[in-house]
Amino acid sequence: MAVSIGFTGHTEEIQDALKNAQAGGLTAMLDAIGTGLREMKKAKNSRKAIVIVSDGGDNRSHYSAAQIESLVREADVQIYAMGVFEPVFSLGLTPEEISGPRLLSEIAAQTGGRAFAAAVPGDMPSVATRIAVELRNLYVLGYYPRNKARDGKYRKVEVKLSPPPALGSLLKVHWRLGYYAPAQ
């Protein structure tokens, strides 16, 4: 999978690449996520995020969904998905298109990101704004695990929030669902 444009601080280059992007043909979304994760290893910022714009349908990838879910668990990258979905009652959808929303949601949830739906193209700017707001309003928590074993196993993480009554319904919690312990 080729990268259209590498990391750059020149927003006009990014805008041009997006304007010139052409949709069509088969979709290798899982391979694109794998490429994005490899590219993120070159990133200089400590906070890393990937935004996927897709219907979630994949009919061409070499990677399987399970392989990508394993890779995103290992990566220190948040994934947000902007799902562009047809209404559920649409006839003639492929199995990949039907399962696409669930796949996008599962991948995003593994990383502490989220999947948002854009039912019509006009919803995309507001969804992009919601993602930008979330990325700018995050708290980072750290902890020391009780289990000190350096066994390389995947460990699940659960975060519980006890908000003050005045903020209870205003606070939303999303977190990375787990991590791999060091192997040695």
N, C-alpha and C. Protein backbone atom coordinates (compact mmCIF):
# COMPACT_ATOMS: atom_id res chain seq x y z
N MET A 1 0.85 -1.17 0.00
CA MET A 1 0.00 0.00 0.00
C MET A 1 0.89 1.23 0.00
N ALA A 2 0.63 2.15 -0.90
CA ALA A 2 1.44 3.35 -1.03
C ALA A 2 0.88 4.47 -0.16
N VAL A 3 1.77 5.32 0.32
CA VAL A 3 1.40 6.48 1.11
C VAL A 3 1.26 7.67 0.16
N SER A 4 0.12 8.33 0.18
CA SER A 4 -0.12 9.47 -0.72
C SER A 4 0.76 10.66 -0.35
N ILE A 5 0.89 10.92 0.94
CA ILE A 5 1.72 12.02 1.42
C ILE A 5 2.22 11.65 2.81
N GLY A 6 3.50 11.84 3.02
CA GLY A 6 4.09 11.53 4.32
C GLY A 6 3.80 12.61 5.33
N PHE A 7 4.40 12.50 6.51
CA PHE A 7 4.22 13.52 7.53
C PHE A 7 4.69 14.86 7.01
N THR A 8 3.89 15.87 7.26
CA THR A 8 4.25 17.22 6.83
C THR A 8 3.55 18.24 7.72
N GLY A 9 4.17 19.39 7.85
CA GLY A 9 3.55 20.50 8.56
C GLY A 9 2.85 21.45 7.61
N HIS A 10 2.86 21.13 6.33
CA HIS A 10 2.26 21.97 5.30
C HIS A 10 0.84 21.49 5.03
N THR A 11 -0.13 22.15 5.65
CA THR A 11 -1.52 21.71 5.54
C THR A 11 -2.03 21.77 4.10
N GLU A 12 -1.48 22.68 3.30
CA GLU A 12 -1.94 22.77 1.90
C GLU A 12 -1.59 21.50 1.12
N GLU A 13 -0.48 20.86 1.45
CA GLU A 13 -0.13 19.59 0.79
C GLU A 13 -1.15 18.51 1.14
N ILE A 14 -1.55 18.50 2.40
CA ILE A 14 -2.55 17.52 2.85
C ILE A 14 -3.89 17.79 2.17
N GLN A 15 -4.28 19.07 2.14
CA GLN A 15 -5.55 19.43 1.50
C GLN A 15 -5.54 19.05 0.03
N ASP A 16 -4.44 19.30 -0.67
CA ASP A 16 -4.34 18.94 -2.08
C ASP A 16 -4.46 17.43 -2.27
N ALA A 17 -3.79 16.67 -1.42
CA ALA A 17 -3.86 15.21 -1.53
C ALA A 17 -5.29 14.72 -1.31
N LEU A 18 -5.98 15.33 -0.35
CA LEU A 18 -7.37 14.92 -0.10
C LEU A 18 -8.29 15.31 -1.26
N LYS A 19 -8.08 16.50 -1.81
CA LYS A 19 -8.90 16.94 -2.94
C LYS A 19 -8.71 16.05 -4.16
N ASN A 20 -7.50 15.56 -4.34
CA ASN A 20 -7.18 14.76 -5.53
C ASN A 20 -7.44 13.26 -5.33
N ALA A 21 -7.81 12.86 -4.11
CA ALA A 21 -8.08 11.44 -3.85
C ALA A 21 -9.31 11.00 -4.62
N GLN A 22 -9.23 9.84 -5.21
CA GLN A 22 -10.34 9.28 -5.98
C GLN A 22 -10.80 7.97 -5.34
N ALA A 23 -12.08 7.90 -5.04
CA ALA A 23 -12.64 6.66 -4.51
C ALA A 23 -13.02 5.77 -5.67
N GLY A 24 -12.98 4.47 -5.44
CA GLY A 24 -13.42 3.55 -6.47
C GLY A 24 -12.69 2.23 -6.36
N GLY A 25 -13.29 1.20 -6.87
CA GLY A 25 -12.66 -0.12 -6.87
C GLY A 25 -12.81 -0.82 -5.54
N LEU A 26 -11.94 -1.78 -5.32
CA LEU A 26 -11.98 -2.57 -4.10
C LEU A 26 -11.31 -1.82 -2.96
N THR A 27 -11.63 -2.21 -1.73
CA THR A 27 -11.13 -1.51 -0.55
C THR A 27 -10.23 -2.42 0.27
N ALA A 28 -9.03 -1.95 0.55
CA ALA A 28 -8.09 -2.67 1.41
C ALA A 28 -7.89 -1.85 2.68
N MET A 29 -8.98 -1.63 3.41
CA MET A 29 -8.93 -0.79 4.60
C MET A 29 -7.99 -1.33 5.67
N LEU A 30 -8.02 -2.64 5.91
CA LEU A 30 -7.16 -3.21 6.94
C LEU A 30 -5.69 -3.05 6.58
N ASP A 31 -5.35 -3.21 5.30
CA ASP A 31 -3.98 -2.98 4.87
C ASP A 31 -3.60 -1.51 5.07
N ALA A 32 -4.54 -0.60 4.80
CA ALA A 32 -4.28 0.83 4.99
C ALA A 32 -4.01 1.14 6.46
N ILE A 33 -4.74 0.50 7.37
CA ILE A 33 -4.50 0.69 8.80
C ILE A 33 -3.11 0.18 9.15
N GLY A 34 -2.73 -0.98 8.61
CA GLY A 34 -1.38 -1.51 8.84
C GLY A 34 -0.32 -0.54 8.35
N THR A 35 -0.52 0.04 7.18
CA THR A 35 0.42 1.04 6.65
C THR A 35 0.46 2.25 7.56
N GLY A 36 -0.70 2.71 8.01
CA GLY A 36 -0.75 3.86 8.92
C GLY A 36 0.00 3.59 10.21
N LEU A 37 -0.14 2.39 10.75
CA LEU A 37 0.58 2.05 11.99
C LEU A 37 2.09 2.04 11.76
N ARG A 38 2.53 1.52 10.61
CA ARG A 38 3.97 1.53 10.29
C ARG A 38 4.48 2.96 10.14
N GLU A 39 3.70 3.81 9.48
CA GLU A 39 4.09 5.22 9.31
C GLU A 39 4.18 5.93 10.65
N MET A 40 3.28 5.59 11.57
CA MET A 40 3.26 6.25 12.87
C MET A 40 4.53 5.98 13.68
N LYS A 41 5.23 4.91 13.36
CA LYS A 41 6.49 4.64 14.06
C LYS A 41 7.52 5.72 13.76
N LYS A 42 7.33 6.46 12.64
CA LYS A 42 8.24 7.55 12.26
C LYS A 42 7.81 8.88 12.87
N ALA A 43 6.65 8.93 13.49
CA ALA A 43 6.10 10.19 14.01
C ALA A 43 6.96 10.73 15.14
N LYS A 44 7.05 12.05 15.19
CA LYS A 44 7.88 12.71 16.20
C LYS A 44 7.08 13.13 17.42
N ASN A 45 5.78 13.37 17.26
CA ASN A 45 4.95 13.77 18.40
C ASN A 45 4.69 12.58 19.31
N SER A 46 4.60 12.86 20.61
CA SER A 46 4.35 11.76 21.54
C SER A 46 2.92 11.26 21.46
N ARG A 47 1.96 12.13 21.14
CA ARG A 47 0.56 11.71 20.97
C ARG A 47 0.33 11.40 19.52
N LYS A 48 -0.18 10.21 19.26
CA LYS A 48 -0.39 9.77 17.89
C LYS A 48 -1.84 9.35 17.70
N ALA A 49 -2.41 9.77 16.56
CA ALA A 49 -3.79 9.39 16.24
C ALA A 49 -3.92 9.17 14.74
N ILE A 50 -4.74 8.23 14.39
CA ILE A 50 -5.09 7.95 13.00
C ILE A 50 -6.59 8.17 12.88
N VAL A 51 -7.01 8.87 11.83
CA VAL A 51 -8.44 9.05 11.56
C VAL A 51 -8.74 8.28 10.27
N ILE A 52 -9.67 7.36 10.36
CA ILE A 52 -10.08 6.55 9.22
C ILE A 52 -11.40 7.10 8.69
N VAL A 53 -11.48 7.35 7.41
CA VAL A 53 -12.74 7.75 6.77
C VAL A 53 -13.11 6.59 5.85
N SER A 54 -14.16 5.85 6.21
CA SER A 54 -14.49 4.64 5.47
C SER A 54 -15.88 4.16 5.82
N ASP A 55 -16.41 3.26 5.00
CA ASP A 55 -17.64 2.57 5.36
C ASP A 55 -17.30 1.31 6.16
N GLY A 56 -16.01 1.02 6.32
CA GLY A 56 -15.58 -0.13 7.11
C GLY A 56 -15.57 -1.42 6.32
N GLY A 57 -16.11 -1.40 5.13
CA GLY A 57 -16.11 -2.61 4.30
C GLY A 57 -14.73 -2.87 3.74
N ASP A 58 -14.27 -4.08 3.84
CA ASP A 58 -12.94 -4.44 3.34
C ASP A 58 -13.09 -5.69 2.50
N ASN A 59 -12.66 -5.61 1.25
CA ASN A 59 -12.78 -6.76 0.37
C ASN A 59 -11.51 -7.03 -0.42
N ARG A 60 -10.38 -6.51 0.09
CA ARG A 60 -9.15 -6.67 -0.67
C ARG A 60 -7.90 -6.87 0.19
N SER A 61 -7.97 -6.69 1.47
CA SER A 61 -6.78 -6.69 2.33
C SER A 61 -6.13 -8.06 2.44
N HIS A 62 -4.81 -8.00 2.64
CA HIS A 62 -4.05 -9.20 2.97
C HIS A 62 -4.14 -9.46 4.47
N TYR A 63 -4.24 -8.37 5.26
CA TYR A 63 -4.40 -8.52 6.70
C TYR A 63 -5.81 -8.99 7.01
N SER A 64 -5.95 -9.76 8.08
CA SER A 64 -7.28 -10.12 8.57
C SER A 64 -7.65 -9.13 9.67
N ALA A 65 -8.93 -9.09 10.03
CA ALA A 65 -9.39 -8.21 11.10
C ALA A 65 -8.68 -8.57 12.41
N ALA A 66 -8.50 -9.85 12.67
CA ALA A 66 -7.83 -10.29 13.90
C ALA A 66 -6.37 -9.82 13.93
N GLN A 67 -5.69 -9.88 12.79
CA GLN A 67 -4.30 -9.41 12.74
C GLN A 67 -4.21 -7.91 13.02
N ILE A 68 -5.11 -7.13 12.43
CA ILE A 68 -5.09 -5.68 12.64
C ILE A 68 -5.44 -5.36 14.08
N GLU A 69 -6.42 -6.05 14.65
CA GLU A 69 -6.76 -5.80 16.05
C GLU A 69 -5.57 -6.09 16.95
N SER A 70 -4.80 -7.11 16.64
CA SER A 70 -3.59 -7.41 17.40
C SER A 70 -2.55 -6.29 17.24
N LEU A 71 -2.37 -5.81 16.01
CA LEU A 71 -1.41 -4.73 15.76
C LEU A 71 -1.81 -3.44 16.47
N VAL A 72 -3.10 -3.09 16.47
CA VAL A 72 -3.50 -1.85 17.13
C VAL A 72 -3.36 -1.96 18.64
N ARG A 73 -3.49 -3.16 19.19
CA ARG A 73 -3.28 -3.34 20.63
C ARG A 73 -1.82 -3.08 20.99
N GLU A 74 -0.91 -3.41 20.09
CA GLU A 74 0.51 -3.22 20.35
C GLU A 74 0.96 -1.78 20.13
N ALA A 75 0.28 -1.06 19.26
CA ALA A 75 0.71 0.28 18.87
C ALA A 75 0.26 1.31 19.91
N ASP A 76 1.05 2.36 20.04
CA ASP A 76 0.70 3.47 20.93
C ASP A 76 0.04 4.56 20.09
N VAL A 77 -1.09 4.22 19.48
CA VAL A 77 -1.80 5.10 18.55
C VAL A 77 -3.29 5.02 18.85
N GLN A 78 -3.94 6.18 18.94
CA GLN A 78 -5.40 6.19 19.04
C GLN A 78 -5.97 6.19 17.64
N ILE A 79 -7.02 5.42 17.45
CA ILE A 79 -7.67 5.39 16.15
C ILE A 79 -9.09 5.89 16.30
N TYR A 80 -9.42 6.87 15.45
CA TYR A 80 -10.77 7.39 15.35
C TYR A 80 -11.28 7.03 13.97
N ALA A 81 -12.55 6.68 13.91
CA ALA A 81 -13.14 6.33 12.62
C ALA A 81 -14.31 7.26 12.33
N MET A 82 -14.30 7.76 11.11
CA MET A 82 -15.42 8.54 10.60
C MET A 82 -16.12 7.61 9.62
N GLY A 83 -17.15 6.93 10.11
CA GLY A 83 -17.84 5.95 9.30
C GLY A 83 -18.86 6.60 8.39
N VAL A 84 -18.72 6.37 7.11
CA VAL A 84 -19.66 6.87 6.12
C VAL A 84 -20.52 5.68 5.71
N PHE A 85 -21.69 5.58 6.32
CA PHE A 85 -22.52 4.39 6.16
C PHE A 85 -23.80 4.69 5.41
N GLU A 86 -24.24 3.69 4.65
CA GLU A 86 -25.56 3.74 4.03
C GLU A 86 -26.57 3.44 5.13
N PRO A 87 -27.80 3.91 4.99
CA PRO A 87 -28.82 3.53 5.97
C PRO A 87 -28.92 2.01 6.07
N VAL A 88 -29.19 1.52 7.27
CA VAL A 88 -29.20 0.08 7.54
C VAL A 88 -30.14 -0.68 6.62
N PHE A 89 -31.23 -0.07 6.24
CA PHE A 89 -32.22 -0.78 5.44
C PHE A 89 -31.88 -0.81 3.95
N SER A 90 -30.71 -0.29 3.57
CA SER A 90 -30.33 -0.29 2.16
C SER A 90 -30.20 -1.72 1.64
N LEU A 91 -30.75 -1.94 0.48
CA LEU A 91 -30.67 -3.26 -0.13
C LEU A 91 -29.39 -3.36 -0.95
N GLY A 92 -28.92 -4.55 -1.14
CA GLY A 92 -27.78 -4.77 -2.02
C GLY A 92 -26.43 -4.51 -1.38
N LEU A 93 -26.36 -4.36 -0.05
CA LEU A 93 -25.07 -4.17 0.60
C LEU A 93 -24.33 -5.50 0.66
N THR A 94 -23.01 -5.45 0.49
CA THR A 94 -22.19 -6.65 0.61
C THR A 94 -22.04 -7.02 2.08
N PRO A 95 -21.65 -8.25 2.38
CA PRO A 95 -21.41 -8.62 3.79
C PRO A 95 -20.36 -7.72 4.44
N GLU A 96 -19.33 -7.31 3.65
CA GLU A 96 -18.29 -6.43 4.20
C GLU A 96 -18.87 -5.08 4.60
N GLU A 97 -19.77 -4.55 3.77
CA GLU A 97 -20.38 -3.25 4.08
C GLU A 97 -21.31 -3.36 5.29
N ILE A 98 -21.98 -4.48 5.44
CA ILE A 98 -22.88 -4.68 6.57
C ILE A 98 -22.09 -4.76 7.87
N SER A 99 -20.95 -5.46 7.86
CA SER A 99 -20.16 -5.62 9.09
C SER A 99 -19.18 -4.46 9.30
N GLY A 100 -19.07 -3.54 8.33
CA GLY A 100 -18.12 -2.44 8.41
C GLY A 100 -18.23 -1.58 9.65
N PRO A 101 -19.44 -1.12 10.03
CA PRO A 101 -19.54 -0.27 11.22
C PRO A 101 -19.03 -0.96 12.48
N ARG A 102 -19.34 -2.24 12.64
CA ARG A 102 -18.87 -2.98 13.82
C ARG A 102 -17.36 -3.10 13.81
N LEU A 103 -16.77 -3.39 12.65
CA LEU A 103 -15.32 -3.53 12.54
C LEU A 103 -14.62 -2.21 12.89
N LEU A 104 -15.11 -1.11 12.34
CA LEU A 104 -14.51 0.20 12.66
C LEU A 104 -14.61 0.49 14.15
N SER A 105 -15.75 0.21 14.73
CA SER A 105 -15.96 0.47 16.16
C SER A 105 -15.02 -0.37 17.02
N GLU A 106 -14.86 -1.65 16.68
CA GLU A 106 -13.99 -2.53 17.46
C GLU A 106 -12.54 -2.09 17.38
N ILE A 107 -12.08 -1.73 16.20
CA ILE A 107 -10.69 -1.29 16.03
C ILE A 107 -10.45 -0.01 16.82
N ALA A 108 -11.36 0.95 16.72
CA ALA A 108 -11.20 2.22 17.44
C ALA A 108 -11.23 1.99 18.95
N ALA A 109 -12.15 1.17 19.42
CA ALA A 109 -12.28 0.93 20.86
C ALA A 109 -11.02 0.32 21.45
N GLN A 110 -10.33 -0.55 20.71
CA GLN A 110 -9.10 -1.17 21.21
C GLN A 110 -8.05 -0.13 21.59
N THR A 111 -8.08 1.02 20.94
CA THR A 111 -7.03 2.02 21.10
C THR A 111 -7.42 3.18 22.00
N GLY A 112 -8.67 3.19 22.49
CA GLY A 112 -9.14 4.32 23.27
C GLY A 112 -9.77 5.39 22.41
N GLY A 113 -9.81 5.17 21.11
CA GLY A 113 -10.48 6.10 20.19
C GLY A 113 -11.95 5.75 20.09
N ARG A 114 -12.61 6.35 19.11
CA ARG A 114 -14.04 6.07 18.94
C ARG A 114 -14.38 6.10 17.47
N ALA A 115 -15.52 5.49 17.16
CA ALA A 115 -16.05 5.53 15.81
C ALA A 115 -17.30 6.41 15.81
N PHE A 116 -17.36 7.29 14.85
CA PHE A 116 -18.51 8.18 14.69
C PHE A 116 -19.14 7.89 13.34
N ALA A 117 -20.45 8.00 13.27
CA ALA A 117 -21.15 7.76 12.01
C ALA A 117 -21.49 9.08 11.32
N ALA A 118 -21.26 9.11 10.03
CA ALA A 118 -21.69 10.22 9.18
C ALA A 118 -22.67 9.62 8.18
N ALA A 119 -23.97 9.77 8.45
CA ALA A 119 -24.99 9.12 7.62
C ALA A 119 -25.03 9.71 6.21
N VAL A 120 -24.72 10.98 6.09
CA VAL A 120 -24.67 11.63 4.78
C VAL A 120 -23.38 12.45 4.70
N PRO A 121 -22.86 12.68 3.51
CA PRO A 121 -21.60 13.43 3.39
C PRO A 121 -21.61 14.78 4.11
N GLY A 122 -22.76 15.42 4.23
CA GLY A 122 -22.85 16.70 4.92
C GLY A 122 -22.55 16.61 6.41
N ASP A 123 -22.61 15.40 6.98
CA ASP A 123 -22.31 15.20 8.41
C ASP A 123 -20.80 15.18 8.68
N MET A 124 -19.99 14.98 7.65
CA MET A 124 -18.56 14.78 7.85
C MET A 124 -17.86 15.95 8.55
N PRO A 125 -18.14 17.21 8.21
CA PRO A 125 -17.46 18.30 8.93
C PRO A 125 -17.76 18.30 10.43
N SER A 126 -19.01 18.03 10.82
CA SER A 126 -19.33 18.03 12.25
C SER A 126 -18.67 16.84 12.96
N VAL A 127 -18.58 15.70 12.27
CA VAL A 127 -17.90 14.54 12.86
C VAL A 127 -16.40 14.84 13.01
N ALA A 128 -15.80 15.47 12.01
CA ALA A 128 -14.38 15.84 12.09
C ALA A 128 -14.15 16.80 13.25
N THR A 129 -15.08 17.72 13.47
CA THR A 129 -14.96 18.66 14.59
C THR A 129 -15.04 17.92 15.92
N ARG A 130 -15.95 16.96 16.03
CA ARG A 130 -16.07 16.17 17.28
C ARG A 130 -14.78 15.41 17.56
N ILE A 131 -14.18 14.83 16.53
CA ILE A 131 -12.92 14.11 16.71
C ILE A 131 -11.83 15.08 17.15
N ALA A 132 -11.74 16.25 16.52
CA ALA A 132 -10.74 17.25 16.89
C ALA A 132 -10.92 17.69 18.33
N VAL A 133 -12.16 17.91 18.77
CA VAL A 133 -12.41 18.31 20.15
C VAL A 133 -11.95 17.22 21.11
N GLU A 134 -12.25 15.97 20.80
CA GLU A 134 -11.81 14.87 21.67
C GLU A 134 -10.29 14.79 21.75
N LEU A 135 -9.63 14.95 20.62
CA LEU A 135 -8.17 14.87 20.62
C LEU A 135 -7.53 16.00 21.42
N ARG A 136 -8.19 17.13 21.50
CA ARG A 136 -7.64 18.27 22.23
C ARG A 136 -8.03 18.28 23.70
N ASN A 137 -8.95 17.44 24.11
CA ASN A 137 -9.46 17.44 25.48
C ASN A 137 -9.31 16.08 26.13
N LEU A 138 -8.09 15.61 26.20
CA LEU A 138 -7.81 14.31 26.79
C LEU A 138 -6.94 14.45 28.02
N TYR A 139 -7.12 13.53 28.94
CA TYR A 139 -6.23 13.42 30.07
C TYR A 139 -5.49 12.10 29.93
N VAL A 140 -4.25 12.10 30.29
CA VAL A 140 -3.46 10.87 30.23
C VAL A 140 -3.25 10.38 31.65
N LEU A 141 -3.63 9.14 31.88
CA LEU A 141 -3.45 8.52 33.18
C LEU A 141 -2.38 7.45 33.07
N GLY A 142 -1.63 7.30 34.12
CA GLY A 142 -0.63 6.24 34.17
C GLY A 142 -0.81 5.45 35.46
N TYR A 143 -0.31 4.25 35.48
CA TYR A 143 -0.39 3.46 36.69
C TYR A 143 0.72 2.41 36.67
N TYR A 144 0.95 1.83 37.83
CA TYR A 144 1.90 0.74 37.95
C TYR A 144 1.10 -0.53 38.21
N PRO A 145 1.22 -1.53 37.36
CA PRO A 145 0.42 -2.75 37.55
C PRO A 145 0.90 -3.55 38.76
N ARG A 146 -0.05 -4.22 39.39
CA ARG A 146 0.30 -5.11 40.51
C ARG A 146 1.05 -6.34 39.99
N ASN A 147 0.66 -6.80 38.81
CA ASN A 147 1.29 -7.97 38.21
C ASN A 147 2.61 -7.53 37.60
N LYS A 148 3.71 -7.89 38.21
CA LYS A 148 5.05 -7.47 37.76
C LYS A 148 5.67 -8.48 36.78
N ALA A 149 4.96 -9.56 36.46
CA ALA A 149 5.51 -10.59 35.56
C ALA A 149 5.81 -9.98 34.20
N ARG A 150 6.99 -10.25 33.69
CA ARG A 150 7.41 -9.76 32.37
C ARG A 150 7.23 -10.92 31.39
N ASP A 151 5.94 -11.23 31.12
CA ASP A 151 5.59 -12.41 30.35
C ASP A 151 5.10 -12.10 28.92
N GLY A 152 5.03 -10.84 28.55
CA GLY A 152 4.60 -10.47 27.20
C GLY A 152 3.12 -10.70 26.93
N LYS A 153 2.34 -11.00 27.95
CA LYS A 153 0.92 -11.29 27.76
C LYS A 153 0.11 -10.00 27.68
N TYR A 154 -1.04 -10.11 27.01
CA TYR A 154 -1.97 -8.98 26.89
C TYR A 154 -2.73 -8.85 28.20
N ARG A 155 -2.78 -7.64 28.72
CA ARG A 155 -3.48 -7.38 29.97
C ARG A 155 -4.58 -6.34 29.74
N LYS A 156 -5.75 -6.67 30.19
CA LYS A 156 -6.89 -5.76 30.02
C LYS A 156 -6.83 -4.64 31.05
N VAL A 157 -7.36 -3.49 30.67
CA VAL A 157 -7.41 -2.33 31.56
C VAL A 157 -8.86 -1.87 31.64
N GLU A 158 -9.29 -1.51 32.85
CA GLU A 158 -10.62 -0.95 33.04
C GLU A 158 -10.48 0.35 33.81
N VAL A 159 -11.17 1.38 33.35
CA VAL A 159 -11.15 2.68 34.00
C VAL A 159 -12.55 2.98 34.50
N LYS A 160 -12.66 3.36 35.77
CA LYS A 160 -13.95 3.74 36.34
C LYS A 160 -13.84 5.19 36.78
N LEU A 161 -14.92 5.93 36.60
CA LEU A 161 -14.95 7.35 36.89
C LEU A 161 -15.96 7.63 37.99
N SER A 162 -15.55 8.41 38.97
CA SER A 162 -16.45 8.87 40.03
C SER A 162 -16.49 10.40 39.95
N PRO A 163 -17.32 10.91 39.02
CA PRO A 163 -17.34 12.36 38.82
C PRO A 163 -18.11 13.09 39.91
N PRO A 164 -17.77 14.35 40.12
CA PRO A 164 -18.59 15.14 41.06
C PRO A 164 -20.00 15.26 40.49
N PRO A 165 -21.01 15.33 41.36
CA PRO A 165 -22.41 15.37 40.88
C PRO A 165 -22.68 16.43 39.82
N ALA A 166 -22.05 17.58 39.92
CA ALA A 166 -22.32 18.66 38.97
C ALA A 166 -21.83 18.34 37.56
N LEU A 167 -20.84 17.45 37.43
CA LEU A 167 -20.27 17.12 36.12
C LEU A 167 -20.62 15.73 35.64
N GLY A 168 -21.35 14.98 36.42
CA GLY A 168 -21.61 13.58 36.14
C GLY A 168 -21.95 13.24 34.70
N SER A 169 -22.93 13.90 34.12
CA SER A 169 -23.35 13.54 32.77
C SER A 169 -22.50 14.19 31.69
N LEU A 170 -21.64 15.13 32.06
CA LEU A 170 -20.81 15.84 31.07
C LEU A 170 -19.52 15.10 30.74
N LEU A 171 -19.07 14.25 31.63
CA LEU A 171 -17.78 13.58 31.43
C LEU A 171 -17.96 12.25 30.71
N LYS A 172 -17.12 11.99 29.73
CA LYS A 172 -17.12 10.73 28.99
C LYS A 172 -15.76 10.08 29.17
N VAL A 173 -15.76 8.79 29.32
CA VAL A 173 -14.51 8.06 29.54
C VAL A 173 -14.30 7.06 28.41
N HIS A 174 -13.15 7.15 27.76
CA HIS A 174 -12.71 6.19 26.74
C HIS A 174 -11.27 5.87 27.07
N TRP A 175 -10.89 4.63 26.96
CA TRP A 175 -9.53 4.26 27.27
C TRP A 175 -9.09 3.11 26.40
N ARG A 176 -7.79 2.97 26.33
CA ARG A 176 -7.18 1.85 25.64
C ARG A 176 -7.57 0.59 26.43
N LEU A 177 -8.07 -0.42 25.78
CA LEU A 177 -8.64 -1.57 26.48
C LEU A 177 -7.61 -2.49 27.11
N GLY A 178 -6.34 -2.32 26.76
CA GLY A 178 -5.31 -3.15 27.34
C GLY A 178 -3.95 -2.84 26.76
N TYR A 179 -2.97 -3.64 27.16
CA TYR A 179 -1.60 -3.46 26.69
C TYR A 179 -0.87 -4.79 26.80
N TYR A 180 0.25 -4.88 26.14
CA TYR A 180 1.10 -6.06 26.26
C TYR A 180 2.17 -5.78 27.28
N ALA A 181 2.32 -6.68 28.25
CA ALA A 181 3.37 -6.55 29.24
C ALA A 181 4.73 -6.74 28.56
N PRO A 182 5.77 -6.13 29.10
CA PRO A 182 7.10 -6.38 28.54
C PRO A 182 7.42 -7.87 28.58
N ALA A 183 8.17 -8.32 27.60
CA ALA A 183 8.49 -9.76 27.52
C ALA A 183 9.72 -10.13 28.36
N GLN A 184 10.57 -9.15 28.66
CA GLN A 184 11.79 -9.47 29.44
C GLN A 184 12.11 -8.37 30.40
